[in-house]
Amino acid sequence: MVKWGLLAALLLGAALVAFGPPGAVAERAPRYGGTTPILAMTFAHSDHFAVVACKTCHHEFADRLMGLPCMTCHVTDAKVSGKLEEQFHTLCRSCHVEERAAGKPSGPTRRCIACHLPDDET
């Protein structure tokens, strides 16, 4: 009996670490002018531009699409909108994992709520 209680407590603890407290993550909803429901996202350029070159993440510098916010295409263009979650998880989380593995300060790698809050809630 004690083993089941301990297992349940461990699973609950793991869920809270990964997802945050219940209700803390915004629900999926159409955002940024798109029609597909997605989770809210927060991003602080100020945490990145001192250590990461803009062109590392912003392909529009090379593609000469200057001035358009990322979400303009990533949620509205049918060619890429279906890949939004994969694209940003690969780009953002993989960089954070590499930085952490190298012993450098990094952003979140597993705690979903760290990135999935509306900007006004951070």
PDB file of N, CA and C in Angstrom:
ATOM      1  N   MET A   1       0.822  -1.189   0.000  1.00  0.00           N
ATOM      2  CA  MET A   1       0.000   0.000   0.000  1.00  0.00           C
ATOM      3  C   MET A   1       0.869   1.257   0.000  1.00  0.00           C
ATOM      4  N   VAL A   2       1.923   1.233   0.810  1.00  0.00           N
ATOM      5  CA  VAL A   2       2.818   2.386   0.881  1.00  0.00           C
ATOM      6  C   VAL A   2       3.494   2.609  -0.474  1.00  0.00           C
ATOM      7  N   LYS A   3       3.832   1.499  -1.173  1.00  0.00           N
ATOM      8  CA  LYS A   3       4.482   1.623  -2.481  1.00  0.00           C
ATOM      9  C   LYS A   3       3.586   2.342  -3.474  1.00  0.00           C
ATOM     10  N   TRP A   4       2.287   2.044  -3.483  1.00  0.00           N
ATOM     11  CA  TRP A   4       1.363   2.701  -4.417  1.00  0.00           C
ATOM     12  C   TRP A   4       1.231   4.189  -4.107  1.00  0.00           C
ATOM     13  N   GLY A   5       1.195   4.518  -2.834  1.00  0.00           N
ATOM     14  CA  GLY A   5       1.120   5.926  -2.442  1.00  0.00           C
ATOM     15  C   GLY A   5       2.373   6.684  -2.845  1.00  0.00           C
ATOM     16  N   LEU A   6       3.516   6.039  -2.655  1.00  0.00           N
ATOM     17  CA  LEU A   6       4.776   6.655  -3.043  1.00  0.00           C
ATOM     18  C   LEU A   6       4.840   6.829  -4.565  1.00  0.00           C
ATOM     19  N   LEU A   7       4.407   5.806  -5.301  1.00  0.00           N
ATOM     20  CA  LEU A   7       4.388   5.885  -6.762  1.00  0.00           C
ATOM     21  C   LEU A   7       3.464   7.007  -7.228  1.00  0.00           C
ATOM     22  N   ALA A   8       2.283   7.102  -6.639  1.00  0.00           N
ATOM     23  CA  ALA A   8       1.345   8.163  -7.013  1.00  0.00           C
ATOM     24  C   ALA A   8       1.939   9.539  -6.715  1.00  0.00           C
ATOM     25  N   ALA A   9       2.591   9.687  -5.581  1.00  0.00           N
ATOM     26  CA  ALA A   9       3.209  10.970  -5.227  1.00  0.00           C
ATOM     27  C   ALA A   9       4.328  11.324  -6.198  1.00  0.00           C
ATOM     28  N   LEU A  10       5.121  10.349  -6.596  1.00  0.00           N
ATOM     29  CA  LEU A  10       6.197  10.591  -7.556  1.00  0.00           C
ATOM     30  C   LEU A  10       5.648  11.002  -8.916  1.00  0.00           C
ATOM     31  N   LEU A  11       4.588  10.334  -9.359  1.00  0.00           N
ATOM     32  CA  LEU A  11       3.984  10.675 -10.647  1.00  0.00           C
ATOM     33  C   LEU A  11       3.386  12.079 -10.616  1.00  0.00           C
ATOM     34  N   LEU A  12       2.717  12.429  -9.538  1.00  0.00           N
ATOM     35  CA  LEU A  12       2.156  13.774  -9.402  1.00  0.00           C
ATOM     36  C   LEU A  12       3.272  14.816  -9.388  1.00  0.00           C
ATOM     37  N   GLY A  13       4.327  14.535  -8.662  1.00  0.00           N
ATOM     38  CA  GLY A  13       5.468  15.455  -8.619  1.00  0.00           C
ATOM     39  C   GLY A  13       6.091  15.645  -9.988  1.00  0.00           C
ATOM     40  N   ALA A  14       6.246  14.556 -10.729  1.00  0.00           N
ATOM     41  CA  ALA A  14       6.810  14.646 -12.085  1.00  0.00           C
ATOM     42  C   ALA A  14       5.907  15.468 -12.988  1.00  0.00           C
ATOM     43  N   ALA A  15       4.599  15.288 -12.881  1.00  0.00           N
ATOM     44  CA  ALA A  15       3.661  16.054 -13.707  1.00  0.00           C
ATOM     45  C   ALA A  15       3.737  17.538 -13.363  1.00  0.00           C
ATOM     46  N   LEU A  16       3.850  17.875 -12.082  1.00  0.00           N
ATOM     47  CA  LEU A  16       3.945  19.283 -11.686  1.00  0.00           C
ATOM     48  C   LEU A  16       5.245  19.924 -12.179  1.00  0.00           C
ATOM     49  N   VAL A  17       6.332  19.152 -12.167  1.00  0.00           N
ATOM     50  CA  VAL A  17       7.598  19.681 -12.684  1.00  0.00           C
ATOM     51  C   VAL A  17       7.490  19.925 -14.181  1.00  0.00           C
ATOM     52  N   ALA A  18       6.903  18.987 -14.906  1.00  0.00           N
ATOM     53  CA  ALA A  18       6.811  19.109 -16.365  1.00  0.00           C
ATOM     54  C   ALA A  18       5.794  20.156 -16.791  1.00  0.00           C
ATOM     55  N   PHE A  19       4.652  20.161 -16.154  1.00  0.00           N
ATOM     56  CA  PHE A  19       3.553  20.986 -16.649  1.00  0.00           C
ATOM     57  C   PHE A  19       3.182  22.153 -15.763  1.00  0.00           C
ATOM     58  N   GLY A  20       3.724  22.222 -14.557  1.00  0.00           N
ATOM     59  CA  GLY A  20       3.371  23.296 -13.644  1.00  0.00           C
ATOM     60  C   GLY A  20       2.094  22.963 -12.899  1.00  0.00           C
ATOM     61  N   PRO A  21       1.652  23.852 -12.027  1.00  0.00           N
ATOM     62  CA  PRO A  21       0.440  23.592 -11.264  1.00  0.00           C
ATOM     63  C   PRO A  21      -0.784  23.546 -12.177  1.00  0.00           C
ATOM     64  N   PRO A  22      -1.823  22.833 -11.766  1.00  0.00           N
ATOM     65  CA  PRO A  22      -3.028  22.748 -12.595  1.00  0.00           C
ATOM     66  C   PRO A  22      -3.558  24.131 -12.955  1.00  0.00           C
ATOM     67  N   GLY A  23      -3.898  24.316 -14.215  1.00  0.00           N
ATOM     68  CA  GLY A  23      -4.457  25.572 -14.675  1.00  0.00           C
ATOM     69  C   GLY A  23      -3.431  26.641 -15.001  1.00  0.00           C
ATOM     70  N   ALA A  24      -2.141  26.369 -14.791  1.00  0.00           N
ATOM     71  CA  ALA A  24      -1.122  27.394 -15.006  1.00  0.00           C
ATOM     72  C   ALA A  24      -0.782  27.581 -16.476  1.00  0.00           C
ATOM     73  N   VAL A  25      -0.986  26.559 -17.287  1.00  0.00           N
ATOM     74  CA  VAL A  25      -0.658  26.657 -18.707  1.00  0.00           C
ATOM     75  C   VAL A  25      -1.900  27.099 -19.462  1.00  0.00           C
ATOM     76  N   ALA A  26      -1.735  28.076 -20.323  1.00  0.00           N
ATOM     77  CA  ALA A  26      -2.870  28.560 -21.108  1.00  0.00           C
ATOM     78  C   ALA A  26      -3.416  27.446 -21.991  1.00  0.00           C
ATOM     79  N   GLU A  27      -4.701  27.492 -22.239  1.00  0.00           N
ATOM     80  CA  GLU A  27      -5.321  26.496 -23.104  1.00  0.00           C
ATOM     81  C   GLU A  27      -4.974  26.772 -24.550  1.00  0.00           C
ATOM     82  N   ARG A  28      -5.098  25.724 -25.360  1.00  0.00           N
ATOM     83  CA  ARG A  28      -4.894  25.890 -26.795  1.00  0.00           C
ATOM     84  C   ARG A  28      -6.027  26.741 -27.349  1.00  0.00           C
ATOM     85  N   ALA A  29      -5.667  27.718 -28.164  1.00  0.00           N
ATOM     86  CA  ALA A  29      -6.643  28.609 -28.787  1.00  0.00           C
ATOM     87  C   ALA A  29      -5.997  29.194 -30.040  1.00  0.00           C
ATOM     88  N   PRO A  30      -6.788  29.628 -31.002  1.00  0.00           N
ATOM     89  CA  PRO A  30      -6.191  30.320 -32.155  1.00  0.00           C
ATOM     90  C   PRO A  30      -5.475  31.582 -31.660  1.00  0.00           C
ATOM     91  N   ARG A  31      -4.269  31.786 -32.107  1.00  0.00           N
ATOM     92  CA  ARG A  31      -3.471  32.933 -31.664  1.00  0.00           C
ATOM     93  C   ARG A  31      -2.688  33.514 -32.830  1.00  0.00           C
ATOM     94  N   TYR A  32      -2.250  34.737 -32.669  1.00  0.00           N
ATOM     95  CA  TYR A  32      -1.349  35.395 -33.609  1.00  0.00           C
ATOM     96  C   TYR A  32      -1.914  35.455 -35.032  1.00  0.00           C
ATOM     97  N   GLY A  33      -3.214  35.507 -35.166  1.00  0.00           N
ATOM     98  CA  GLY A  33      -3.821  35.626 -36.493  1.00  0.00           C
ATOM     99  C   GLY A  33      -4.057  34.309 -37.203  1.00  0.00           C
ATOM    100  N   GLY A  34      -3.706  33.196 -36.580  1.00  0.00           N
ATOM    101  CA  GLY A  34      -3.928  31.885 -37.193  1.00  0.00           C
ATOM    102  C   GLY A  34      -5.276  31.313 -36.792  1.00  0.00           C
ATOM    103  N   THR A  35      -5.625  30.179 -37.351  1.00  0.00           N
ATOM    104  CA  THR A  35      -6.893  29.538 -37.025  1.00  0.00           C
ATOM    105  C   THR A  35      -6.708  28.234 -36.259  1.00  0.00           C
ATOM    106  N   THR A  36      -5.497  27.686 -36.237  1.00  0.00           N
ATOM    107  CA  THR A  36      -5.224  26.442 -35.532  1.00  0.00           C
ATOM    108  C   THR A  36      -5.005  26.720 -34.056  1.00  0.00           C
ATOM    109  N   PRO A  37      -5.685  25.998 -33.161  1.00  0.00           N
ATOM    110  CA  PRO A  37      -5.473  26.202 -31.723  1.00  0.00           C
ATOM    111  C   PRO A  37      -4.050  25.804 -31.331  1.00  0.00           C
ATOM    112  N   ILE A  38      -3.341  26.714 -30.685  1.00  0.00           N
ATOM    113  CA  ILE A  38      -1.995  26.453 -30.195  1.00  0.00           C
ATOM    114  C   ILE A  38      -1.885  26.969 -28.775  1.00  0.00           C
ATOM    115  N   LEU A  39      -0.886  26.491 -28.058  1.00  0.00           N
ATOM    116  CA  LEU A  39      -0.629  27.002 -26.719  1.00  0.00           C
ATOM    117  C   LEU A  39      -0.024  28.391 -26.812  1.00  0.00           C
ATOM    118  N   ALA A  40      -0.248  29.176 -25.805  1.00  0.00           N
ATOM    119  CA  ALA A  40       0.406  30.483 -25.731  1.00  0.00           C
ATOM    120  C   ALA A  40       1.904  30.251 -25.624  1.00  0.00           C
ATOM    121  N   MET A  41       2.686  31.212 -26.051  1.00  0.00           N
ATOM    122  CA  MET A  41       4.141  31.119 -25.955  1.00  0.00           C
ATOM    123  C   MET A  41       4.681  32.456 -25.474  1.00  0.00           C
ATOM    124  N   THR A  42       5.725  32.392 -24.715  1.00  0.00           N
ATOM    125  CA  THR A  42       6.403  33.612 -24.306  1.00  0.00           C
ATOM    126  C   THR A  42       7.845  33.519 -24.743  1.00  0.00           C
ATOM    127  N   PHE A  43       8.411  34.634 -25.107  1.00  0.00           N
ATOM    128  CA  PHE A  43       9.802  34.647 -25.539  1.00  0.00           C
ATOM    129  C   PHE A  43      10.397  36.007 -25.210  1.00  0.00           C
ATOM    130  N   ALA A  44      11.523  36.008 -24.551  1.00  0.00           N
ATOM    131  CA  ALA A  44      12.196  37.261 -24.196  1.00  0.00           C
ATOM    132  C   ALA A  44      13.454  37.408 -25.043  1.00  0.00           C
ATOM    133  N   HIS A  45      13.382  38.269 -26.044  1.00  0.00           N
ATOM    134  CA  HIS A  45      14.563  38.510 -26.865  1.00  0.00           C
ATOM    135  C   HIS A  45      15.733  38.981 -26.001  1.00  0.00           C
ATOM    136  N   SER A  46      15.439  39.721 -24.951  1.00  0.00           N
ATOM    137  CA  SER A  46      16.501  40.258 -24.097  1.00  0.00           C
ATOM    138  C   SER A  46      17.327  39.153 -23.437  1.00  0.00           C
ATOM    139  N   ASP A  47      16.750  37.956 -23.287  1.00  0.00           N
ATOM    140  CA  ASP A  47      17.491  36.833 -22.710  1.00  0.00           C
ATOM    141  C   ASP A  47      18.397  36.163 -23.737  1.00  0.00           C
ATOM    142  N   HIS A  48      18.258  36.519 -25.003  1.00  0.00           N
ATOM    143  CA  HIS A  48      18.946  35.794 -26.067  1.00  0.00           C
ATOM    144  C   HIS A  48      19.928  36.629 -26.872  1.00  0.00           C
ATOM    145  N   PHE A  49      19.597  37.868 -27.197  1.00  0.00           N
ATOM    146  CA  PHE A  49      20.396  38.575 -28.189  1.00  0.00           C
ATOM    147  C   PHE A  49      21.831  38.857 -27.780  1.00  0.00           C
ATOM    148  N   ALA A  50      22.146  38.804 -26.526  1.00  0.00           N
ATOM    149  CA  ALA A  50      23.532  39.020 -26.103  1.00  0.00           C
ATOM    150  C   ALA A  50      24.408  37.795 -26.362  1.00  0.00           C
ATOM    151  N   VAL A  51      23.787  36.617 -26.508  1.00  0.00           N
ATOM    152  CA  VAL A  51      24.570  35.385 -26.662  1.00  0.00           C
ATOM    153  C   VAL A  51      24.275  34.609 -27.942  1.00  0.00           C
ATOM    154  N   VAL A  52      23.212  34.958 -28.638  1.00  0.00           N
ATOM    155  CA  VAL A  52      22.831  34.228 -29.850  1.00  0.00           C
ATOM    156  C   VAL A  52      22.655  35.227 -30.991  1.00  0.00           C
ATOM    157  N   ALA A  53      23.319  34.985 -32.105  1.00  0.00           N
ATOM    158  CA  ALA A  53      23.156  35.860 -33.263  1.00  0.00           C
ATOM    159  C   ALA A  53      21.727  35.743 -33.794  1.00  0.00           C
ATOM    160  N   CYS A  54      21.132  36.858 -34.174  1.00  0.00           N
ATOM    161  CA  CYS A  54      19.745  36.879 -34.651  1.00  0.00           C
ATOM    162  C   CYS A  54      19.502  35.853 -35.757  1.00  0.00           C
ATOM    163  N   LYS A  55      20.450  35.765 -36.698  1.00  0.00           N
ATOM    164  CA  LYS A  55      20.257  34.869 -37.840  1.00  0.00           C
ATOM    165  C   LYS A  55      20.245  33.391 -37.452  1.00  0.00           C
ATOM    166  N   THR A  56      20.682  33.062 -36.227  1.00  0.00           N
ATOM    167  CA  THR A  56      20.633  31.680 -35.761  1.00  0.00           C
ATOM    168  C   THR A  56      19.195  31.174 -35.742  1.00  0.00           C
ATOM    169  N   CYS A  57      18.274  32.022 -35.338  1.00  0.00           N
ATOM    170  CA  CYS A  57      16.871  31.640 -35.227  1.00  0.00           C
ATOM    171  C   CYS A  57      16.005  32.255 -36.321  1.00  0.00           C
ATOM    172  N   HIS A  58      16.377  33.433 -36.757  1.00  0.00           N
ATOM    173  CA  HIS A  58      15.555  34.182 -37.704  1.00  0.00           C
ATOM    174  C   HIS A  58      15.999  33.963 -39.143  1.00  0.00           C
ATOM    175  N   HIS A  59      15.403  32.969 -39.770  1.00  0.00           N
ATOM    176  CA  HIS A  59      15.767  32.677 -41.157  1.00  0.00           C
ATOM    177  C   HIS A  59      15.398  33.815 -42.102  1.00  0.00           C
ATOM    178  N   GLU A  60      14.492  34.687 -41.685  1.00  0.00           N
ATOM    179  CA  GLU A  60      14.077  35.782 -42.570  1.00  0.00           C
ATOM    180  C   GLU A  60      15.222  36.751 -42.873  1.00  0.00           C
ATOM    181  N   PHE A  61      16.289  36.728 -42.067  1.00  0.00           N
ATOM    182  CA  PHE A  61      17.449  37.558 -42.391  1.00  0.00           C
ATOM    183  C   PHE A  61      18.080  37.054 -43.688  1.00  0.00           C
ATOM    184  N   ALA A  62      18.254  35.746 -43.797  1.00  0.00           N
ATOM    185  CA  ALA A  62      18.828  35.157 -45.007  1.00  0.00           C
ATOM    186  C   ALA A  62      17.835  35.194 -46.164  1.00  0.00           C
ATOM    187  N   ASP A  63      16.544  35.033 -45.842  1.00  0.00           N
ATOM    188  CA  ASP A  63      15.506  34.998 -46.889  1.00  0.00           C
ATOM    189  C   ASP A  63      15.034  36.388 -47.300  1.00  0.00           C
ATOM    190  N   ARG A  64      15.592  37.425 -46.670  1.00  0.00           N
ATOM    191  CA  ARG A  64      15.250  38.822 -46.951  1.00  0.00           C
ATOM    192  C   ARG A  64      13.758  39.104 -46.751  1.00  0.00           C
ATOM    193  N   LEU A  65      13.217  38.594 -45.668  1.00  0.00           N
ATOM    194  CA  LEU A  65      11.818  38.822 -45.297  1.00  0.00           C
ATOM    195  C   LEU A  65      11.743  39.715 -44.069  1.00  0.00           C
ATOM    196  N   MET A  66      12.641  40.635 -43.960  1.00  0.00           N
ATOM    197  CA  MET A  66      12.768  41.467 -42.775  1.00  0.00           C
ATOM    198  C   MET A  66      11.455  42.150 -42.388  1.00  0.00           C
ATOM    199  N   GLY A  67      11.261  42.267 -41.089  1.00  0.00           N
ATOM    200  CA  GLY A  67      10.134  43.025 -40.587  1.00  0.00           C
ATOM    201  C   GLY A  67       8.915  42.208 -40.200  1.00  0.00           C
ATOM    202  N   LEU A  68       8.817  40.978 -40.662  1.00  0.00           N
ATOM    203  CA  LEU A  68       7.653  40.160 -40.322  1.00  0.00           C
ATOM    204  C   LEU A  68       7.894  39.411 -39.024  1.00  0.00           C
ATOM    205  N   PRO A  69       6.985  39.497 -38.064  1.00  0.00           N
ATOM    206  CA  PRO A  69       7.133  38.686 -36.854  1.00  0.00           C
ATOM    207  C   PRO A  69       7.046  37.200 -37.218  1.00  0.00           C
ATOM    208  N   CYS A  70       7.734  36.371 -36.468  1.00  0.00           N
ATOM    209  CA  CYS A  70       7.760  34.920 -36.738  1.00  0.00           C
ATOM    210  C   CYS A  70       6.364  34.354 -36.964  1.00  0.00           C
ATOM    211  N   MET A  71       5.455  34.718 -36.078  1.00  0.00           N
ATOM    212  CA  MET A  71       4.131  34.110 -36.119  1.00  0.00           C
ATOM    213  C   MET A  71       3.325  34.503 -37.351  1.00  0.00           C
ATOM    214  N   THR A  72       3.702  35.575 -38.028  1.00  0.00           N
ATOM    215  CA  THR A  72       2.978  35.973 -39.231  1.00  0.00           C
ATOM    216  C   THR A  72       2.888  34.801 -40.202  1.00  0.00           C
ATOM    217  N   CYS A  73       3.984  34.111 -40.398  1.00  0.00           N
ATOM    218  CA  CYS A  73       3.982  32.958 -41.303  1.00  0.00           C
ATOM    219  C   CYS A  73       3.750  31.641 -40.575  1.00  0.00           C
ATOM    220  N   HIS A  74       4.373  31.492 -39.411  1.00  0.00           N
ATOM    221  CA  HIS A  74       4.359  30.191 -38.754  1.00  0.00           C
ATOM    222  C   HIS A  74       2.978  29.744 -38.279  1.00  0.00           C
ATOM    223  N   VAL A  75       2.003  30.642 -38.174  1.00  0.00           N
ATOM    224  CA  VAL A  75       0.646  30.208 -37.837  1.00  0.00           C
ATOM    225  C   VAL A  75      -0.347  30.423 -38.971  1.00  0.00           C
ATOM    226  N   THR A  76       0.023  31.187 -40.001  1.00  0.00           N
ATOM    227  CA  THR A  76      -0.952  31.486 -41.056  1.00  0.00           C
ATOM    228  C   THR A  76      -0.623  30.846 -42.400  1.00  0.00           C
ATOM    229  N   ASP A  77       0.620  30.538 -42.673  1.00  0.00           N
ATOM    230  CA  ASP A  77       1.023  29.954 -43.948  1.00  0.00           C
ATOM    231  C   ASP A  77       0.801  28.442 -43.907  1.00  0.00           C
ATOM    232  N   ALA A  78      -0.058  27.940 -44.770  1.00  0.00           N
ATOM    233  CA  ALA A  78      -0.411  26.512 -44.770  1.00  0.00           C
ATOM    234  C   ALA A  78       0.809  25.610 -44.975  1.00  0.00           C
ATOM    235  N   LYS A  79       1.854  26.119 -45.615  1.00  0.00           N
ATOM    236  CA  LYS A  79       3.045  25.297 -45.859  1.00  0.00           C
ATOM    237  C   LYS A  79       3.828  25.018 -44.584  1.00  0.00           C
ATOM    238  N   VAL A  80       3.717  25.879 -43.597  1.00  0.00           N
ATOM    239  CA  VAL A  80       4.501  25.691 -42.377  1.00  0.00           C
ATOM    240  C   VAL A  80       3.669  25.619 -41.099  1.00  0.00           C
ATOM    241  N   SER A  81       2.440  26.071 -41.111  1.00  0.00           N
ATOM    242  CA  SER A  81       1.666  26.156 -39.870  1.00  0.00           C
ATOM    243  C   SER A  81       1.434  24.805 -39.204  1.00  0.00           C
ATOM    244  N   GLY A  82       1.326  23.745 -39.969  1.00  0.00           N
ATOM    245  CA  GLY A  82       1.126  22.418 -39.383  1.00  0.00           C
ATOM    246  C   GLY A  82       2.357  21.890 -38.665  1.00  0.00           C
ATOM    247  N   LYS A  83       3.476  22.531 -38.885  1.00  0.00           N
ATOM    248  CA  LYS A  83       4.731  22.101 -38.284  1.00  0.00           C
ATOM    249  C   LYS A  83       5.177  23.008 -37.141  1.00  0.00           C
ATOM    250  N   LEU A  84       4.319  23.912 -36.734  1.00  0.00           N
ATOM    251  CA  LEU A  84       4.689  24.925 -35.735  1.00  0.00           C
ATOM    252  C   LEU A  84       5.322  24.329 -34.486  1.00  0.00           C
ATOM    253  N   GLU A  85       4.641  23.395 -33.864  1.00  0.00           N
ATOM    254  CA  GLU A  85       5.141  22.828 -32.611  1.00  0.00           C
ATOM    255  C   GLU A  85       6.484  22.129 -32.823  1.00  0.00           C
ATOM    256  N   GLU A  86       6.568  21.329 -33.865  1.00  0.00           N
ATOM    257  CA  GLU A  86       7.821  20.642 -34.168  1.00  0.00           C
ATOM    258  C   GLU A  86       8.953  21.639 -34.426  1.00  0.00           C
ATOM    259  N   GLN A  87       8.679  22.663 -35.205  1.00  0.00           N
ATOM    260  CA  GLN A  87       9.712  23.636 -35.553  1.00  0.00           C
ATOM    261  C   GLN A  87      10.245  24.361 -34.324  1.00  0.00           C
ATOM    262  N   PHE A  88       9.353  24.864 -33.501  1.00  0.00           N
ATOM    263  CA  PHE A  88       9.819  25.630 -32.354  1.00  0.00           C
ATOM    264  C   PHE A  88      10.417  24.745 -31.275  1.00  0.00           C
ATOM    265  N   HIS A  89       9.855  23.562 -31.059  1.00  0.00           N
ATOM    266  CA  HIS A  89      10.462  22.661 -30.086  1.00  0.00           C
ATOM    267  C   HIS A  89      11.863  22.259 -30.545  1.00  0.00           C
ATOM    268  N   THR A  90      12.015  21.964 -31.819  1.00  0.00           N
ATOM    269  CA  THR A  90      13.334  21.584 -32.324  1.00  0.00           C
ATOM    270  C   THR A  90      14.312  22.743 -32.192  1.00  0.00           C
ATOM    271  N   LEU A  91      13.916  23.914 -32.628  1.00  0.00           N
ATOM    272  CA  LEU A  91      14.808  25.075 -32.592  1.00  0.00           C
ATOM    273  C   LEU A  91      15.145  25.485 -31.164  1.00  0.00           C
ATOM    274  N   CYS A  92      14.132  25.727 -30.363  1.00  0.00           N
ATOM    275  CA  CYS A  92      14.353  26.281 -29.026  1.00  0.00           C
ATOM    276  C   CYS A  92      14.890  25.246 -28.041  1.00  0.00           C
ATOM    277  N   ARG A  93      14.171  24.154 -27.914  1.00  0.00           N
ATOM    278  CA  ARG A  93      14.549  23.172 -26.895  1.00  0.00           C
ATOM    279  C   ARG A  93      15.890  22.525 -27.208  1.00  0.00           C
ATOM    280  N   SER A  94      16.181  22.250 -28.484  1.00  0.00           N
ATOM    281  CA  SER A  94      17.458  21.619 -28.807  1.00  0.00           C
ATOM    282  C   SER A  94      18.624  22.542 -28.442  1.00  0.00           C
ATOM    283  N   CYS A  95      18.465  23.827 -28.652  1.00  0.00           N
ATOM    284  CA  CYS A  95      19.515  24.775 -28.275  1.00  0.00           C
ATOM    285  C   CYS A  95      19.682  24.797 -26.759  1.00  0.00           C
ATOM    286  N   HIS A  96      18.588  24.819 -26.031  1.00  0.00           N
ATOM    287  CA  HIS A  96      18.667  24.811 -24.574  1.00  0.00           C
ATOM    288  C   HIS A  96      19.348  23.538 -24.069  1.00  0.00           C
ATOM    289  N   VAL A  97      19.032  22.394 -24.661  1.00  0.00           N
ATOM    290  CA  VAL A  97      19.644  21.122 -24.257  1.00  0.00           C
ATOM    291  C   VAL A  97      21.148  21.159 -24.530  1.00  0.00           C
ATOM    292  N   GLU A  98      21.549  21.649 -25.708  1.00  0.00           N
ATOM    293  CA  GLU A  98      22.975  21.735 -26.055  1.00  0.00           C
ATOM    294  C   GLU A  98      23.719  22.656 -25.097  1.00  0.00           C
ATOM    295  N   GLU A  99      23.124  23.803 -24.777  1.00  0.00           N
ATOM    296  CA  GLU A  99      23.765  24.748 -23.855  1.00  0.00           C
ATOM    297  C   GLU A  99      23.927  24.120 -22.475  1.00  0.00           C
ATOM    298  N   ARG A 100      22.881  23.450 -21.999  1.00  0.00           N
ATOM    299  CA  ARG A 100      22.954  22.815 -20.677  1.00  0.00           C
ATOM    300  C   ARG A 100      24.007  21.719 -20.666  1.00  0.00           C
ATOM    301  N   ALA A 101      24.067  20.907 -21.731  1.00  0.00           N
ATOM    302  CA  ALA A 101      25.046  19.820 -21.807  1.00  0.00           C
ATOM    303  C   ALA A 101      26.473  20.364 -21.813  1.00  0.00           C
ATOM    304  N   ALA A 102      26.652  21.566 -22.359  1.00  0.00           N
ATOM    305  CA  ALA A 102      27.973  22.195 -22.400  1.00  0.00           C
ATOM    306  C   ALA A 102      28.306  22.924 -21.099  1.00  0.00           C
ATOM    307  N   GLY A 103      27.405  22.857 -20.127  1.00  0.00           N
ATOM    308  CA  GLY A 103      27.634  23.504 -18.845  1.00  0.00           C
ATOM    309  C   GLY A 103      27.391  24.997 -18.856  1.00  0.00           C
ATOM    310  N   LYS A 104      26.694  25.481 -19.879  1.00  0.00           N
ATOM    311  CA  LYS A 104      26.401  26.904 -19.997  1.00  0.00           C
ATOM    312  C   LYS A 104      24.990  27.186 -19.471  1.00  0.00           C
ATOM    313  N   PRO A 105      24.711  28.430 -19.106  1.00  0.00           N
ATOM    314  CA  PRO A 105      23.331  28.768 -18.718  1.00  0.00           C
ATOM    315  C   PRO A 105      22.407  28.478 -19.894  1.00  0.00           C
ATOM    316  N   SER A 106      21.249  27.946 -19.583  1.00  0.00           N
ATOM    317  CA  SER A 106      20.326  27.609 -20.663  1.00  0.00           C
ATOM    318  C   SER A 106      18.899  27.908 -20.249  1.00  0.00           C
ATOM    319  N   GLY A 107      18.039  27.908 -21.221  1.00  0.00           N
ATOM    320  CA  GLY A 107      16.619  28.052 -20.963  1.00  0.00           C
ATOM    321  C   GLY A 107      16.032  26.712 -20.578  1.00  0.00           C
ATOM    322  N   PRO A 108      14.725  26.664 -20.416  1.00  0.00           N
ATOM    323  CA  PRO A 108      14.066  25.425 -19.998  1.00  0.00           C
ATOM    324  C   PRO A 108      14.219  24.328 -21.039  1.00  0.00           C
ATOM    325  N   THR A 109      14.311  23.107 -20.564  1.00  0.00           N
ATOM    326  CA  THR A 109      14.429  21.963 -21.473  1.00  0.00           C
ATOM    327  C   THR A 109      13.272  20.991 -21.335  1.00  0.00           C
ATOM    328  N   ARG A 110      12.626  20.971 -20.182  1.00  0.00           N
ATOM    329  CA  ARG A 110      11.565  19.996 -19.970  1.00  0.00           C
ATOM    330  C   ARG A 110      10.327  20.576 -19.312  1.00  0.00           C
ATOM    331  N   ARG A 111      10.412  21.703 -18.692  1.00  0.00           N
ATOM    332  CA  ARG A 111       9.287  22.265 -17.940  1.00  0.00           C
ATOM    333  C   ARG A 111       8.419  23.090 -18.883  1.00  0.00           C
ATOM    334  N   CYS A 112       7.369  22.503 -19.388  1.00  0.00           N
ATOM    335  CA  CYS A 112       6.526  23.106 -20.415  1.00  0.00           C
ATOM    336  C   CYS A 112       6.064  24.518 -20.060  1.00  0.00           C
ATOM    337  N   ILE A 113       5.645  24.704 -18.810  1.00  0.00           N
ATOM    338  CA  ILE A 113       5.077  25.997 -18.410  1.00  0.00           C
ATOM    339  C   ILE A 113       6.095  27.134 -18.528  1.00  0.00           C
ATOM    340  N   ALA A 114       7.384  26.823 -18.539  1.00  0.00           N
ATOM    341  CA  ALA A 114       8.391  27.862 -18.633  1.00  0.00           C
ATOM    342  C   ALA A 114       8.305  28.630 -19.963  1.00  0.00           C
ATOM    343  N   CYS A 115       7.800  27.991 -20.988  1.00  0.00           N
ATOM    344  CA  CYS A 115       7.655  28.649 -22.300  1.00  0.00           C
ATOM    345  C   CYS A 115       6.198  28.906 -22.666  1.00  0.00           C
ATOM    346  N   HIS A 116       5.302  28.109 -22.140  1.00  0.00           N
ATOM    347  CA  HIS A 116       3.909  28.190 -22.565  1.00  0.00           C
ATOM    348  C   HIS A 116       3.046  29.003 -21.616  1.00  0.00           C
ATOM    349  N   LEU A 117       3.391  30.264 -21.503  1.00  0.00           N
ATOM    350  CA  LEU A 117       2.578  31.242 -20.791  1.00  0.00           C
ATOM    351  C   LEU A 117       2.412  32.432 -21.716  1.00  0.00           C
ATOM    352  N   PRO A 118       1.275  33.080 -21.698  1.00  0.00           N
ATOM    353  CA  PRO A 118       1.148  34.315 -22.474  1.00  0.00           C
ATOM    354  C   PRO A 118       2.176  35.328 -21.981  1.00  0.00           C
ATOM    355  N   ASP A 119       2.652  36.195 -22.864  1.00  0.00           N
ATOM    356  CA  ASP A 119       3.667  37.182 -22.484  1.00  0.00           C
ATOM    357  C   ASP A 119       3.258  38.014 -21.284  1.00  0.00           C
ATOM    358  N   ASP A 120       1.977  38.296 -21.124  1.00  0.00           N
ATOM    359  CA  ASP A 120       1.538  39.152 -20.015  1.00  0.00           C
ATOM    360  C   ASP A 120       1.509  38.402 -18.678  1.00  0.00           C
ATOM    361  N   GLU A 121       1.799  37.102 -18.659  1.00  0.00           N
ATOM    362  CA  GLU A 121       1.799  36.341 -17.407  1.00  0.00           C
ATOM    363  C   GLU A 121       3.195  36.001 -16.950  1.00  0.00           C
ATOM    364  N   THR A 122       4.228  36.475 -17.631  1.00  0.00           N
ATOM    365  CA  THR A 122       5.595  36.101 -17.235  1.00  0.00           C
ATOM    366  C   THR A 122       6.185  37.144 -16.331  1.00  0.00           C
TER     367      THR A 122
END
